[in-house]
């Protein structure tokens, strides 16, 4: 399991030293104003919790190819070809392990792709959103079977077009 990042992290950036403290602030060491402006653009990746927490995330719905039974990619010549919907996030996220869960046991850092889990009755909703900027509301959980193609999945409760996509 990846250990949570509780200590300060040093980052070398344009020959200057920065660190991210435990409250997720970026602090510059040095006096160069141009460097300070670059640091202000730098965003610290936000942490999210697994289910039962409900999250709202922005991104684009995409369709990816993968392998299914019998061996889920171990033998591509004989494995079933599958397609699955993914939310390609606008900004990467971190997901925090849940010590009380048997499934959601790992931290994941800088996740950019989340497999979308939705009842098959509602697949038309995803098809209609393919290639579009959306806001997905749902619960995160860790991939734990051969049918889970990303580290973290989101069980979709609601999916809407992103009204702020042009901003």
Foldseek 3Di string as FASTA:
>chain_A
DDDDPQQKDWDQDPNFIWIQHRVGQIGGDDDDPVVVVVSVVDHDAEEDEFPPDKDKFKAAKAKDKWWAPDPGPPDVVPTDIDIFIKGQGPWFHWYDADPVDPFRHDIDPRDGIATEAEPPVCVVVSVVRHGAMKMFIFGKTADDDSVGDGRIHGHGPDIDGDPVVPD
